[in-house]
Structures are given as structure tokens and as C-alpha cells.
Amino acid sequence: MVTDSTPYLPRSLVDRWAIRQVSLYVGWNGDLRPEHEYADLGEFYARLRESPVLPSTSQPSVGDFLACFEPLVSAGRDVISIHLAGGLSGTCETAAEAARVVAAKGHRGRVEVVDGQTGAGGLGCLVVVAARVAEQGAELSAVVDAVRDARRRLEIWFCLDTLEYLRRGGRIGAAQAMLGTALKVKPILTFGTEITPVGRVRTRRRALERMGAYLDELHDRGAKDWIVQHAQCPEDAEHLVTQGAAIFGGGPLFCTQVGPVLGAHLGSGMLVGGIVRA
């Protein structure tokens, strides 16, 4: 089981299923480092807020993926590798190139690369689905089918304090249409092949209310697993967890903080909620 560093899964789940993660890179002034090397997220987000220049981000190299894939396939293991939406990053294509190199070498194991067509906790949900199915002894093709089916049932929203980071980083996509009123609203968006707007409210309080109502709506529509993530707003995340626990009768699959790569494009104050429908 392989993914990249952008699902921001908790260590407990990574360890439980021995999930391999190939890191994206982020940094200022050409000093790009694997994002897992940023141990102090508070320090990273403080610099992000204060810096007049956005950090750069970069996908892993083919060599990074080969270093992950080859020990697995040379031992005869089949690998599913699930990644951040191809419309947002070249990570998935780089993984696919590495998989082609592995196949050409004739290793006993196979690598199947899947574009998650989402990001952050949505991608994390797909990785967990794959791990659960693989744990039951399913063949590679069945694991891939399960992930693609889960993606069809996945819904993920997130609210931002501002669209400025998306605009400056060039990842704004269909949310471009909201820029004219961006200073007056709190945008609510979804992760897909691009970042797409689904609503807007005028205050942070209303954004939190809307995210809670969203979980309620999704529960009524047959939600299964649900998640919460945030970027430097733990109190808001805890509030949403409390709301969600009351709605679902139990806690989320995970609640984690979004790291530097997505944080660089979305800014602090992001709050994510998502589910996989039954």
C-alpha cells in the first residue's frame, strides 16, 4: 500500500497497515524539503502568513517512487499506489512513470497507480478503503475496484478564510469565479480533479455552521466513514468533531492537521469535512 504525503493520515493508521508514503517537497527560495521534515507546523504556517513570497511545492521524483516500489515488487508483492488528484499535481503521473519502469524490469510484483481525484482527507479515506480490502486478502484488481467505487461515493468539503493563497499559487481553478467577492465571503469548496466552489458564507461562524449542517445532510444520505482536518484552527476542528460525533453516534475515522504542501496553496484556517457514503 503506497500513497503520497498529502492525505495527512494519523500515525496510528499508517502503522496499522504499514502504509508507505512518498513525500512531496515544499520550501522557500529553492530550499525544497520533503514535507515530513517540517516537524513544527506552527512555525511553517507562521512563516506562510508573514512571507511576501509563497513557498514552492514539487512532486516526488521517479527515483523517489522507485525507491519505494522496487523493494516491494522484487519481493513478489503487488502494490496499489493512490495519489493526489492529477489535476492538482503531477504526483500521480510520476508514480505511473515509475510503475512503467518497474514493469519493464520484469519484477514478480505489480504496481497499479490510481488517481484519487481528490486530496487531503478525501485521499486518506480512499487509502483506508484500500487497506481494509487488502487486509481481507483481496487481489490487486479487487482493491483497485474498491477504491474507484469509494471515490464515486466520496464527498469532501472544505472552507477557507481566503482564496488568496489559491490565487497566488495558481491552483484556483473553477473557484476563480468567486474572486470578485472573495474579501466579503468565506468560500466553501470541494476537492476533485480541480478545486471547485460549492458555496459561500459571510462569516467564519456561518462557515462552521454550514460545515456542521453538511455532515448532518451527508449522514441522512447514508454516510459511512467521516473525517475532519484543519490548518491551524484546532478549536474549530474540535467543534466540528463534537457536532459530527453527535450526528454519527461516534468519532471520526481521523482528525488531523493538513501539512505544508496543501497548506502552502490553501493557507491557515482551512477546515475539512468529508465522508464515504454507504
C-alpha atoms as a PDB file:
ATOM      1  CA  MET A   1       0.000   0.000   0.000  1.00  0.00           C
ATOM      2  CA  VAL A   2       1.543   3.283  -1.151  1.00  0.00           C
ATOM      3  CA  THR A   3       0.340   6.864  -1.174  1.00  0.00           C
ATOM      4  CA  ASP A   4       1.984  10.275  -1.114  1.00  0.00           C
ATOM      5  CA  SER A   5       2.326  12.630   1.838  1.00  0.00           C
ATOM      6  CA  THR A   6      -0.854  14.666   1.253  1.00  0.00           C
ATOM      7  CA  PRO A   7      -3.613  12.548   2.898  1.00  0.00           C
ATOM      8  CA  TYR A   8      -2.164  13.586   6.297  1.00  0.00           C
ATOM      9  CA  LEU A   9      -3.207  10.327   7.900  1.00  0.00           C
ATOM     10  CA  PRO A  10      -2.598   9.793  11.622  1.00  0.00           C
ATOM     11  CA  ARG A  11       0.448   7.743  12.520  1.00  0.00           C
ATOM     12  CA  SER A  12      -1.782   5.087  14.111  1.00  0.00           C
ATOM     13  CA  LEU A  13      -3.392   4.212  10.760  1.00  0.00           C
ATOM     14  CA  VAL A  14      -0.118   4.441   8.829  1.00  0.00           C
ATOM     15  CA  ASP A  15       1.476   1.982  11.249  1.00  0.00           C
ATOM     16  CA  ARG A  16      -1.550  -0.308  11.432  1.00  0.00           C
ATOM     17  CA  TRP A  17      -1.446  -1.047   7.698  1.00  0.00           C
ATOM     18  CA  ALA A  18       2.255  -0.355   7.031  1.00  0.00           C
ATOM     19  CA  ILE A  19       1.290   2.339   4.533  1.00  0.00           C
ATOM     20  CA  ARG A  20       4.271   3.653   2.577  1.00  0.00           C
ATOM     21  CA  GLN A  21       4.256   7.384   1.895  1.00  0.00           C
ATOM     22  CA  VAL A  22       6.323   9.096  -0.805  1.00  0.00           C
ATOM     23  CA  SER A  23       6.776  12.710   0.175  1.00  0.00           C
ATOM     24  CA  LEU A  24       6.126  15.806  -1.886  1.00  0.00           C
ATOM     25  CA  TYR A  25       8.506  18.740  -1.421  1.00  0.00           C
ATOM     26  CA  VAL A  26       7.982  22.290  -0.191  1.00  0.00           C
ATOM     27  CA  GLY A  27      10.155  25.254   0.708  1.00  0.00           C
ATOM     28  CA  TRP A  28      11.241  28.809   0.109  1.00  0.00           C
ATOM     29  CA  ASN A  29      13.977  30.195  -2.133  1.00  0.00           C
ATOM     30  CA  GLY A  30      14.836  26.881  -3.741  1.00  0.00           C
ATOM     31  CA  ASP A  31      15.274  25.091  -0.414  1.00  0.00           C
ATOM     32  CA  LEU A  32      12.756  22.325  -1.116  1.00  0.00           C
ATOM     33  CA  ARG A  33      12.495  19.657   1.546  1.00  0.00           C
ATOM     34  CA  PRO A  34      10.241  16.603   1.987  1.00  0.00           C
ATOM     35  CA  GLU A  35       7.211  17.895   3.804  1.00  0.00           C
ATOM     36  CA  HIS A  36       7.552  15.350   6.600  1.00  0.00           C
ATOM     37  CA  GLU A  37      10.732  17.170   7.630  1.00  0.00           C
ATOM     38  CA  TYR A  38       8.650  20.145   8.790  1.00  0.00           C
ATOM     39  CA  ALA A  39       8.160  18.943  12.339  1.00  0.00           C
ATOM     40  CA  ASP A  40       6.809  22.259  13.652  1.00  0.00           C
ATOM     41  CA  LEU A  41       3.695  23.057  11.634  1.00  0.00           C
ATOM     42  CA  GLY A  42       3.023  26.143  13.720  1.00  0.00           C
ATOM     43  CA  GLU A  43       6.360  27.567  12.618  1.00  0.00           C
ATOM     44  CA  PHE A  44       5.639  26.738   8.965  1.00  0.00           C
ATOM     45  CA  TYR A  45       2.220  28.403   8.979  1.00  0.00           C
ATOM     46  CA  ALA A  46       3.582  31.447  10.822  1.00  0.00           C
ATOM     47  CA  ARG A  47       6.172  31.923   8.100  1.00  0.00           C
ATOM     48  CA  LEU A  48       3.496  31.351   5.433  1.00  0.00           C
ATOM     49  CA  ARG A  49       1.377  34.155   6.893  1.00  0.00           C
ATOM     50  CA  GLU A  50       4.315  36.545   7.217  1.00  0.00           C
ATOM     51  CA  SER A  51       6.217  35.877   3.998  1.00  0.00           C
ATOM     52  CA  PRO A  52       5.528  38.100   0.967  1.00  0.00           C
ATOM     53  CA  VAL A  53       6.553  35.142  -1.195  1.00  0.00           C
ATOM     54  CA  LEU A  54       4.715  31.821  -1.289  1.00  0.00           C
ATOM     55  CA  PRO A  55       6.743  28.649  -0.809  1.00  0.00           C
ATOM     56  CA  SER A  56       7.225  26.425  -3.833  1.00  0.00           C
ATOM     57  CA  THR A  57       5.975  22.853  -3.932  1.00  0.00           C
ATOM     58  CA  SER A  58       7.136  19.942  -6.054  1.00  0.00           C
ATOM     59  CA  GLN A  59       6.047  16.387  -6.737  1.00  0.00           C
ATOM     60  CA  PRO A  60       8.270  13.425  -5.861  1.00  0.00           C
ATOM     61  CA  SER A  61      10.737  12.235  -8.476  1.00  0.00           C
ATOM     62  CA  VAL A  62      10.540   8.972 -10.386  1.00  0.00           C
ATOM     63  CA  GLY A  63      13.537   7.883  -8.312  1.00  0.00           C
ATOM     64  CA  ASP A  64      11.614   8.569  -5.101  1.00  0.00           C
ATOM     65  CA  PHE A  65       8.865   6.234  -6.244  1.00  0.00           C
ATOM     66  CA  LEU A  66      11.279   3.586  -7.486  1.00  0.00           C
ATOM     67  CA  ALA A  67      12.955   3.548  -4.086  1.00  0.00           C
ATOM     68  CA  CYS A  68       9.551   2.765  -2.586  1.00  0.00           C
ATOM     69  CA  PHE A  69       8.208   0.350  -5.236  1.00  0.00           C
ATOM     70  CA  GLU A  70      11.209  -1.821  -6.053  1.00  0.00           C
ATOM     71  CA  PRO A  71      11.790  -3.458  -2.647  1.00  0.00           C
ATOM     72  CA  LEU A  72       8.110  -4.422  -2.612  1.00  0.00           C
ATOM     73  CA  VAL A  73       7.747  -5.788  -6.140  1.00  0.00           C
ATOM     74  CA  SER A  74      11.136  -7.527  -6.080  1.00  0.00           C
ATOM     75  CA  ALA A  75       9.792  -9.493  -3.110  1.00  0.00           C
ATOM     76  CA  GLY A  76       6.795 -10.503  -5.224  1.00  0.00           C
ATOM     77  CA  ARG A  77       4.289  -8.138  -3.636  1.00  0.00           C
ATOM     78  CA  ASP A  78       1.566  -6.377  -5.629  1.00  0.00           C
ATOM     79  CA  VAL A  79       1.207  -2.671  -4.890  1.00  0.00           C
ATOM     80  CA  ILE A  80      -1.643  -0.199  -5.174  1.00  0.00           C
ATOM     81  CA  SER A  81      -0.399   3.390  -5.205  1.00  0.00           C
ATOM     82  CA  ILE A  82      -3.087   6.047  -4.648  1.00  0.00           C
ATOM     83  CA  HIS A  83      -2.359   9.737  -5.120  1.00  0.00           C
ATOM     84  CA  LEU A  84      -3.421  13.354  -5.066  1.00  0.00           C
ATOM     85  CA  ALA A  85      -5.647  14.395  -7.984  1.00  0.00           C
ATOM     86  CA  GLY A  86      -3.765  14.633 -11.252  1.00  0.00           C
ATOM     87  CA  GLY A  87      -5.482  17.943 -11.936  1.00  0.00           C
ATOM     88  CA  LEU A  88      -3.779  19.422  -8.866  1.00  0.00           C
ATOM     89  CA  SER A  89      -0.324  17.812  -9.050  1.00  0.00           C
ATOM     90  CA  GLY A  90       1.935  15.765 -11.308  1.00  0.00           C
ATOM     91  CA  THR A  91       2.491  13.277  -8.481  1.00  0.00           C
ATOM     92  CA  CYS A  92       0.204  10.599  -9.908  1.00  0.00           C
ATOM     93  CA  GLU A  93       1.795  10.743 -13.365  1.00  0.00           C
ATOM     94  CA  THR A  94       5.263  10.481 -11.835  1.00  0.00           C
ATOM     95  CA  ALA A  95       4.126   7.413  -9.875  1.00  0.00           C
ATOM     96  CA  ALA A  96       2.752   5.935 -13.101  1.00  0.00           C
ATOM     97  CA  GLU A  97       6.084   6.513 -14.854  1.00  0.00           C
ATOM     98  CA  ALA A  98       7.874   4.728 -12.020  1.00  0.00           C
ATOM     99  CA  ALA A  99       5.370   1.863 -12.304  1.00  0.00           C
ATOM    100  CA  ARG A 100       6.195   1.559 -16.018  1.00  0.00           C
ATOM    101  CA  VAL A 101       9.895   1.367 -15.191  1.00  0.00           C
ATOM    102  CA  VAL A 102       9.212  -1.352 -12.630  1.00  0.00           C
ATOM    103  CA  ALA A 103       7.105  -3.337 -15.104  1.00  0.00           C
ATOM    104  CA  ALA A 104       9.832  -3.137 -17.745  1.00  0.00           C
ATOM    105  CA  LYS A 105      12.317  -4.688 -15.314  1.00  0.00           C
ATOM    106  CA  GLY A 106      10.161  -7.800 -15.002  1.00  0.00           C
ATOM    107  CA  HIS A 107       9.746  -7.879 -11.234  1.00  0.00           C
ATOM    108  CA  ARG A 108       7.420 -10.519  -9.831  1.00  0.00           C
ATOM    109  CA  GLY A 109       5.116  -7.990  -8.209  1.00  0.00           C
ATOM    110  CA  ARG A 110       2.926  -5.445  -9.992  1.00  0.00           C
ATOM    111  CA  VAL A 111       2.176  -1.778  -9.318  1.00  0.00           C
ATOM    112  CA  GLU A 112      -1.243  -0.281 -10.059  1.00  0.00           C
ATOM    113  CA  VAL A 113      -1.382   3.509  -9.795  1.00  0.00           C
ATOM    114  CA  VAL A 114      -4.752   5.146  -9.066  1.00  0.00           C
ATOM    115  CA  ASP A 115      -5.554   8.846  -9.402  1.00  0.00           C
ATOM    116  CA  GLY A 116      -7.543   9.585  -6.254  1.00  0.00           C
ATOM    117  CA  GLN A 117      -9.180  12.594  -7.947  1.00  0.00           C
ATOM    118  CA  THR A 118      -9.239  14.289  -4.562  1.00  0.00           C
ATOM    119  CA  GLY A 119      -6.876  15.490  -1.859  1.00  0.00           C
ATOM    120  CA  ALA A 120      -6.231  15.710   1.880  1.00  0.00           C
ATOM    121  CA  GLY A 121      -8.683  13.686   3.977  1.00  0.00           C
ATOM    122  CA  GLY A 122     -10.597  12.535   0.905  1.00  0.00           C
ATOM    123  CA  LEU A 123      -7.454  10.845  -0.330  1.00  0.00           C
ATOM    124  CA  GLY A 124      -6.947   9.466   3.170  1.00  0.00           C
ATOM    125  CA  CYS A 125     -10.384   7.854   3.053  1.00  0.00           C
ATOM    126  CA  LEU A 126      -9.508   6.085  -0.209  1.00  0.00           C
ATOM    127  CA  VAL A 127      -6.223   4.824   1.231  1.00  0.00           C
ATOM    128  CA  VAL A 128      -8.078   3.416   4.242  1.00  0.00           C
ATOM    129  CA  VAL A 129     -10.607   1.694   1.967  1.00  0.00           C
ATOM    130  CA  ALA A 130      -7.751   0.079   0.039  1.00  0.00           C
ATOM    131  CA  ALA A 131      -6.006  -1.023   3.224  1.00  0.00           C
ATOM    132  CA  ARG A 132      -9.163  -2.590   4.632  1.00  0.00           C
ATOM    133  CA  VAL A 133      -9.907  -4.536   1.449  1.00  0.00           C
ATOM    134  CA  ALA A 134      -6.295  -5.677   1.059  1.00  0.00           C
ATOM    135  CA  GLU A 135      -6.291  -6.782   4.701  1.00  0.00           C
ATOM    136  CA  GLN A 136      -9.084  -9.206   3.835  1.00  0.00           C
ATOM    137  CA  GLY A 137      -6.853 -10.893   1.259  1.00  0.00           C
ATOM    138  CA  ALA A 138      -8.346  -9.341  -1.894  1.00  0.00           C
ATOM    139  CA  GLU A 139      -6.345  -9.449  -5.111  1.00  0.00           C
ATOM    140  CA  LEU A 140      -4.899  -6.242  -6.561  1.00  0.00           C
ATOM    141  CA  SER A 141      -7.673  -5.790  -9.122  1.00  0.00           C
ATOM    142  CA  ALA A 142     -10.343  -6.065  -6.425  1.00  0.00           C
ATOM    143  CA  VAL A 143      -8.567  -3.477  -4.269  1.00  0.00           C
ATOM    144  CA  VAL A 144      -8.402  -1.087  -7.228  1.00  0.00           C
ATOM    145  CA  ASP A 145     -12.109  -1.618  -7.937  1.00  0.00           C
ATOM    146  CA  ALA A 146     -12.961  -0.937  -4.287  1.00  0.00           C
ATOM    147  CA  VAL A 147     -11.025   2.339  -4.331  1.00  0.00           C
ATOM    148  CA  ARG A 148     -12.703   3.512  -7.522  1.00  0.00           C
ATOM    149  CA  ASP A 149     -16.108   2.610  -6.123  1.00  0.00           C
ATOM    150  CA  ALA A 150     -15.330   4.513  -2.899  1.00  0.00           C
ATOM    151  CA  ARG A 151     -14.258   7.537  -4.935  1.00  0.00           C
ATOM    152  CA  ARG A 152     -17.694   7.616  -6.562  1.00  0.00           C
ATOM    153  CA  ARG A 153     -19.236   7.670  -3.086  1.00  0.00           C
ATOM    154  CA  LEU A 154     -16.791  10.171  -1.596  1.00  0.00           C
ATOM    155  CA  GLU A 155     -17.834  13.712  -0.763  1.00  0.00           C
ATOM    156  CA  ILE A 156     -15.484  16.237   0.775  1.00  0.00           C
ATOM    157  CA  TRP A 157     -15.934  19.926   1.518  1.00  0.00           C
ATOM    158  CA  PHE A 158     -13.571  22.466   2.974  1.00  0.00           C
ATOM    159  CA  CYS A 159     -13.881  26.096   3.971  1.00  0.00           C
ATOM    160  CA  LEU A 160     -11.156  28.720   3.706  1.00  0.00           C
ATOM    161  CA  ASP A 161     -10.574  32.092   5.278  1.00  0.00           C
ATOM    162  CA  THR A 162      -9.396  33.441   1.922  1.00  0.00           C
ATOM    163  CA  LEU A 163      -8.865  32.463  -1.713  1.00  0.00           C
ATOM    164  CA  GLU A 164      -5.660  34.482  -1.822  1.00  0.00           C
ATOM    165  CA  TYR A 165      -3.304  31.503  -1.458  1.00  0.00           C
ATOM    166  CA  LEU A 166      -5.074  29.564  -4.193  1.00  0.00           C
ATOM    167  CA  ARG A 167      -4.927  32.595  -6.467  1.00  0.00           C
ATOM    168  CA  ARG A 168      -1.255  33.296  -5.844  1.00  0.00           C
ATOM    169  CA  GLY A 169      -0.313  29.635  -6.204  1.00  0.00           C
ATOM    170  CA  GLY A 170      -2.177  29.188  -9.484  1.00  0.00           C
ATOM    171  CA  ARG A 171      -4.394  26.342  -8.228  1.00  0.00           C
ATOM    172  CA  ILE A 172      -7.640  28.295  -8.077  1.00  0.00           C
ATOM    173  CA  GLY A 173      -9.402  26.504 -10.945  1.00  0.00           C
ATOM    174  CA  ALA A 174     -13.175  26.945 -11.017  1.00  0.00           C
ATOM    175  CA  ALA A 175     -13.046  28.965  -7.787  1.00  0.00           C
ATOM    176  CA  GLN A 176     -11.760  31.860  -9.927  1.00  0.00           C
ATOM    177  CA  ALA A 177     -15.376  32.968 -10.316  1.00  0.00           C
ATOM    178  CA  MET A 178     -15.549  33.769  -6.586  1.00  0.00           C
ATOM    179  CA  LEU A 179     -12.603  36.161  -6.563  1.00  0.00           C
ATOM    180  CA  GLY A 180     -14.716  39.238  -7.169  1.00  0.00           C
ATOM    181  CA  THR A 181     -16.345  38.857  -3.754  1.00  0.00           C
ATOM    182  CA  ALA A 182     -13.525  36.980  -2.017  1.00  0.00           C
ATOM    183  CA  LEU A 183     -12.910  39.728   0.513  1.00  0.00           C
ATOM    184  CA  LYS A 184     -16.541  39.625   1.623  1.00  0.00           C
ATOM    185  CA  VAL A 185     -17.134  35.872   1.864  1.00  0.00           C
ATOM    186  CA  LYS A 186     -15.757  32.657   3.315  1.00  0.00           C
ATOM    187  CA  PRO A 187     -15.613  30.191   0.395  1.00  0.00           C
ATOM    188  CA  ILE A 188     -16.696  26.571   0.719  1.00  0.00           C
ATOM    189  CA  LEU A 189     -15.118  24.282  -1.866  1.00  0.00           C
ATOM    190  CA  THR A 190     -14.647  20.649  -2.807  1.00  0.00           C
ATOM    191  CA  PHE A 191     -11.634  18.581  -3.854  1.00  0.00           C
ATOM    192  CA  GLY A 192     -11.982  16.844  -7.214  1.00  0.00           C
ATOM    193  CA  THR A 193      -9.944  16.855 -10.388  1.00  0.00           C
ATOM    194  CA  GLU A 194      -9.746  20.564  -9.556  1.00  0.00           C
ATOM    195  CA  ILE A 195     -10.791  22.710  -6.619  1.00  0.00           C
ATOM    196  CA  THR A 196     -14.409  23.701  -7.188  1.00  0.00           C
ATOM    197  CA  PRO A 197     -16.680  26.084  -5.248  1.00  0.00           C
ATOM    198  CA  VAL A 198     -19.883  24.731  -3.726  1.00  0.00           C
ATOM    199  CA  GLY A 199     -20.979  27.694  -1.622  1.00  0.00           C
ATOM    200  CA  ARG A 200     -20.069  30.839   0.241  1.00  0.00           C
ATOM    201  CA  VAL A 201     -20.985  32.456   3.524  1.00  0.00           C
ATOM    202  CA  ARG A 202     -20.104  35.833   5.026  1.00  0.00           C
ATOM    203  CA  THR A 203     -18.541  34.943   8.363  1.00  0.00           C
ATOM    204  CA  ARG A 204     -16.379  32.261   9.915  1.00  0.00           C
ATOM    205  CA  ARG A 205     -19.206  31.394  12.311  1.00  0.00           C
ATOM    206  CA  ARG A 206     -21.557  30.770   9.399  1.00  0.00           C
ATOM    207  CA  ALA A 207     -18.887  28.660   7.686  1.00  0.00           C
ATOM    208  CA  LEU A 208     -18.656  26.435  10.776  1.00  0.00           C
ATOM    209  CA  GLU A 209     -22.439  26.152  10.929  1.00  0.00           C
ATOM    210  CA  ARG A 210     -22.553  25.215   7.248  1.00  0.00           C
ATOM    211  CA  MET A 211     -19.892  22.549   7.674  1.00  0.00           C
ATOM    212  CA  GLY A 212     -21.838  21.038  10.569  1.00  0.00           C
ATOM    213  CA  ALA A 213     -25.049  21.094   8.547  1.00  0.00           C
ATOM    214  CA  TYR A 214     -23.153  19.430   5.700  1.00  0.00           C
ATOM    215  CA  LEU A 215     -22.218  16.490   7.930  1.00  0.00           C
ATOM    216  CA  ASP A 216     -25.853  16.226   9.003  1.00  0.00           C
ATOM    217  CA  GLU A 217     -27.009  16.164   5.384  1.00  0.00           C
ATOM    218  CA  LEU A 218     -24.475  13.513   4.457  1.00  0.00           C
ATOM    219  CA  HIS A 219     -25.432  11.346   7.427  1.00  0.00           C
ATOM    220  CA  ASP A 220     -29.041  11.438   6.215  1.00  0.00           C
ATOM    221  CA  ARG A 221     -27.810  10.335   2.783  1.00  0.00           C
ATOM    222  CA  GLY A 222     -26.060   7.253   4.160  1.00  0.00           C
ATOM    223  CA  ALA A 223     -22.601   8.419   5.187  1.00  0.00           C
ATOM    224  CA  LYS A 224     -20.216   5.755   6.417  1.00  0.00           C
ATOM    225  CA  ASP A 225     -16.735   6.878   7.456  1.00  0.00           C
ATOM    226  CA  TRP A 226     -16.250  10.585   8.143  1.00  0.00           C
ATOM    227  CA  ILE A 227     -13.190  12.723   8.757  1.00  0.00           C
ATOM    228  CA  VAL A 228     -12.183  16.186   9.929  1.00  0.00           C
ATOM    229  CA  GLN A 229      -8.972  18.068   9.125  1.00  0.00           C
ATOM    230  CA  HIS A 230      -7.759  21.578   9.736  1.00  0.00           C
ATOM    231  CA  ALA A 231      -4.889  24.007   9.192  1.00  0.00           C
ATOM    232  CA  GLN A 232      -4.033  25.863  12.383  1.00  0.00           C
ATOM    233  CA  CYS A 233      -7.596  26.001  13.705  1.00  0.00           C
ATOM    234  CA  PRO A 234      -7.803  23.120  16.225  1.00  0.00           C
ATOM    235  CA  GLU A 235     -10.689  24.685  18.148  1.00  0.00           C
ATOM    236  CA  ASP A 236     -12.842  24.808  15.022  1.00  0.00           C
ATOM    237  CA  ALA A 237     -11.884  21.230  14.183  1.00  0.00           C
ATOM    238  CA  GLU A 238     -12.805  20.073  17.683  1.00  0.00           C
ATOM    239  CA  HIS A 239     -16.124  21.884  17.400  1.00  0.00           C
ATOM    240  CA  LEU A 240     -16.852  20.058  14.124  1.00  0.00           C
ATOM    241  CA  VAL A 241     -15.780  16.736  15.657  1.00  0.00           C
ATOM    242  CA  THR A 242     -18.195  17.290  18.546  1.00  0.00           C
ATOM    243  CA  GLN A 243     -21.013  18.080  16.119  1.00  0.00           C
ATOM    244  CA  GLY A 244     -20.169  15.096  13.941  1.00  0.00           C
ATOM    245  CA  ALA A 245     -19.951  12.701  16.882  1.00  0.00           C
ATOM    246  CA  ALA A 246     -23.449  13.722  17.954  1.00  0.00           C
ATOM    247  CA  ILE A 247     -24.735  13.192  14.402  1.00  0.00           C
ATOM    248  CA  PHE A 248     -22.994   9.864  13.734  1.00  0.00           C
ATOM    249  CA  GLY A 249     -23.021   8.436  17.235  1.00  0.00           C
ATOM    250  CA  GLY A 250     -19.245   8.112  17.329  1.00  0.00           C
ATOM    251  CA  GLY A 251     -15.974   9.780  16.446  1.00  0.00           C
ATOM    252  CA  PRO A 252     -14.394  10.355  13.024  1.00  0.00           C
ATOM    253  CA  LEU A 253     -12.118   7.948  11.226  1.00  0.00           C
ATOM    254  CA  PHE A 254      -9.437  10.554  11.921  1.00  0.00           C
ATOM    255  CA  CYS A 255      -8.931  14.214  12.766  1.00  0.00           C
ATOM    256  CA  THR A 256      -5.547  15.597  11.707  1.00  0.00           C
ATOM    257  CA  GLN A 257      -3.810  18.771  10.630  1.00  0.00           C
ATOM    258  CA  VAL A 258      -3.073  19.497   6.971  1.00  0.00           C
ATOM    259  CA  GLY A 259       0.646  19.765   6.286  1.00  0.00           C
ATOM    260  CA  PRO A 260       2.861  22.172   4.364  1.00  0.00           C
ATOM    261  CA  VAL A 261       2.253  21.146   0.735  1.00  0.00           C
ATOM    262  CA  LEU A 262      -1.503  21.702   0.725  1.00  0.00           C
ATOM    263  CA  GLY A 263      -1.182  24.391   3.379  1.00  0.00           C
ATOM    264  CA  ALA A 264       1.041  26.379   1.018  1.00  0.00           C
ATOM    265  CA  HIS A 265      -1.803  26.526  -1.515  1.00  0.00           C
ATOM    266  CA  LEU A 266      -4.747  26.863   0.864  1.00  0.00           C
ATOM    267  CA  GLY A 267      -3.430  28.869   3.824  1.00  0.00           C
ATOM    268  CA  SER A 268      -4.137  28.570   7.529  1.00  0.00           C
ATOM    269  CA  GLY A 269      -7.716  28.495   8.731  1.00  0.00           C
ATOM    270  CA  MET A 270      -8.782  25.656   6.429  1.00  0.00           C
ATOM    271  CA  LEU A 271     -11.376  23.254   7.846  1.00  0.00           C
ATOM    272  CA  VAL A 272     -12.179  19.985   6.053  1.00  0.00           C
ATOM    273  CA  GLY A 273     -15.095  17.612   6.453  1.00  0.00           C
ATOM    274  CA  GLY A 274     -15.797  14.530   4.370  1.00  0.00           C
ATOM    275  CA  ILE A 275     -17.491  11.154   4.186  1.00  0.00           C
ATOM    276  CA  VAL A 276     -17.756   7.977   2.177  1.00  0.00           C
ATOM    277  CA  ARG A 277     -21.414   7.088   1.637  1.00  0.00           C
ATOM    278  CA  ALA A 278     -22.522   3.538   2.310  1.00  0.00           C
END
